[in-house]
Protein backbone atom coordinates (compact mmCIF):
# COMPACT_ATOMS: atom_id res chain seq x y z
CA MET A 1 -8.87 -3.42 -39.06
CA ASP A 2 -10.49 -1.53 -37.03
CA GLN A 3 -9.25 -2.02 -32.76
CA ALA A 4 -11.80 -2.17 -30.45
CA PRO A 5 -11.44 1.16 -28.20
CA THR A 6 -9.15 0.82 -24.91
CA PRO A 7 -11.38 0.62 -21.85
CA PRO A 8 -10.74 3.27 -19.31
CA PRO A 9 -8.54 2.45 -16.12
CA ALA A 10 -10.52 1.23 -13.52
CA GLU A 11 -11.06 3.82 -10.46
CA ARG A 12 -8.52 2.89 -7.63
CA CYS A 13 -7.80 4.84 -4.48
CA THR A 14 -4.88 7.37 -4.48
CA ALA A 15 -2.88 5.03 -2.32
CA ALA A 16 -2.77 2.58 -5.20
CA HIS A 17 0.87 2.53 -6.83
CA ILE A 18 0.64 2.63 -10.48
CA GLU A 19 2.41 -0.49 -10.97
CA ASP A 20 0.28 -2.65 -8.01
CA PRO A 21 -2.05 -4.93 -10.16
CA THR A 22 -4.06 -5.61 -6.59
CA PRO A 23 -7.66 -4.24 -6.54
CA CYS A 24 -9.40 -1.52 -4.06
CA CYS A 25 -10.65 -3.48 -0.80
CA GLY A 26 -13.51 -1.19 0.34
CA PRO A 27 -13.85 2.22 0.24
CA TYR A 28 -11.32 4.83 -1.39
CA ASP A 29 -11.24 6.93 1.74
CA ALA A 30 -11.04 4.13 4.49
CA VAL A 31 -7.49 5.26 5.73
CA THR A 32 -5.26 8.03 4.76
CA VAL A 33 -1.43 7.69 4.62
CA LEU A 34 1.13 10.37 5.25
CA ASP A 35 4.74 10.10 3.94
CA GLY A 36 6.61 12.22 6.19
CA ALA A 37 7.12 14.91 3.72
CA GLY A 38 4.10 16.29 3.67
CA ASN A 39 2.43 14.35 1.28
CA VAL A 40 -0.57 12.72 1.87
CA ALA A 41 -2.98 9.68 -0.08
CA THR A 42 -6.48 8.88 0.67
CA GLY A 43 -6.81 4.73 0.40
CA CYS A 44 -8.39 1.33 0.76
CA GLU A 45 -7.60 -0.14 3.53
CA HIS A 46 -5.57 -2.78 1.62
CA HIS A 47 -3.55 -0.08 -0.67
CA GLY A 48 -2.83 1.80 2.78
CA ALA A 49 -1.28 -1.04 4.11
CA ARG A 50 0.69 -1.45 1.14
CA MET A 51 1.45 2.06 0.77
CA ALA A 52 2.74 2.56 4.62
CA ALA A 53 5.29 -1.12 3.91
CA SER A 54 6.91 0.69 1.50
CA ILE A 55 7.37 4.24 2.36
CA GLU A 56 10.15 4.43 5.54
CA GLY A 57 8.36 6.50 8.32
CA ALA A 58 4.87 6.24 6.92
CA LEU A 59 1.77 7.16 9.28
CA ILE A 60 -1.39 5.79 8.58
CA GLU A 61 -4.17 7.65 10.06
CA PRO A 62 -8.59 7.11 10.30
CA GLY A 63 -10.46 7.46 7.27
CA SER A 64 -14.45 6.59 6.78
CA VAL A 65 -13.92 3.20 8.24
CA VAL A 66 -13.96 2.62 12.09
CA GLY A 67 -10.87 0.32 12.94
CA ALA A 68 -9.00 0.33 9.24
CA ALA A 69 -6.04 2.46 10.21
CA THR A 70 -5.02 0.29 12.98
CA ARG A 71 -5.87 -3.12 10.97
CA ALA A 72 -3.67 -1.28 7.78
CA PHE A 73 -1.02 -0.59 10.41
CA SER A 74 -0.90 -3.94 11.55
CA ALA A 75 -0.99 -5.54 8.02
CA SER A 76 2.17 -3.01 6.77
CA ARG A 77 4.15 -4.34 9.42
CA THR A 78 4.04 -7.69 7.47
CA ILE A 79 4.53 -6.53 4.02
CA ARG A 80 7.57 -6.30 2.22
CA PRO A 81 8.04 -2.59 0.55
CA PHE A 82 6.86 -2.81 -3.18
CA CYS A 83 5.74 -6.47 -2.95
CA TRP A 84 4.26 -6.40 -6.33
CA TYR A 85 7.94 -6.72 -7.16
CA GLU A 86 8.56 -10.21 -6.55
CA ASP A 87 11.17 -11.18 -9.44
CA ALA A 88 14.25 -9.87 -7.32
CA PRO A 89 16.09 -11.44 -4.65
CA ARG A 90 15.15 -9.83 -1.07
CA THR A 91 17.87 -9.98 1.19
CA GLU A 92 18.74 -6.59 2.60
CA PRO A 93 16.95 -5.23 5.91
CA SER A 94 15.23 -2.34 3.52
CA GLN A 95 13.69 -4.92 0.83
CA LEU A 96 12.25 -6.78 3.82
CA SER A 97 9.26 -6.59 6.21
CA HIS A 98 9.26 -5.10 9.41
CA ALA A 99 8.18 -8.33 11.06
CA GLU A 100 10.85 -9.95 8.96
CA ASN A 101 13.72 -7.84 10.09
CA ALA A 102 12.43 -8.47 13.99
CA GLY A 103 12.84 -12.19 13.42
CA ARG A 104 16.21 -11.51 12.42
CA ALA A 105 17.48 -9.87 15.65
């Protein structure tokens, strides 16, 4: 039996983690995320925020969308690192968002 060819993966920004199932929101170059080790990824505002939340010390710089870096940074403070992994309990500070850790103090 012949199977239909597998469609190519949907185009996504370079800030989207391969295991993050969420779609991009907005232009793929809305923000630039820097990880502190010299690595750079441009991405949509949504994935830029999720990436920054998952990398300790990440910085978000402006891209093609005015205000996106500020919004992505603000959002990253409320997102748990690697938030697409929701099946494991999260109790350690490194597993919680910056906002959750601030609320514990």
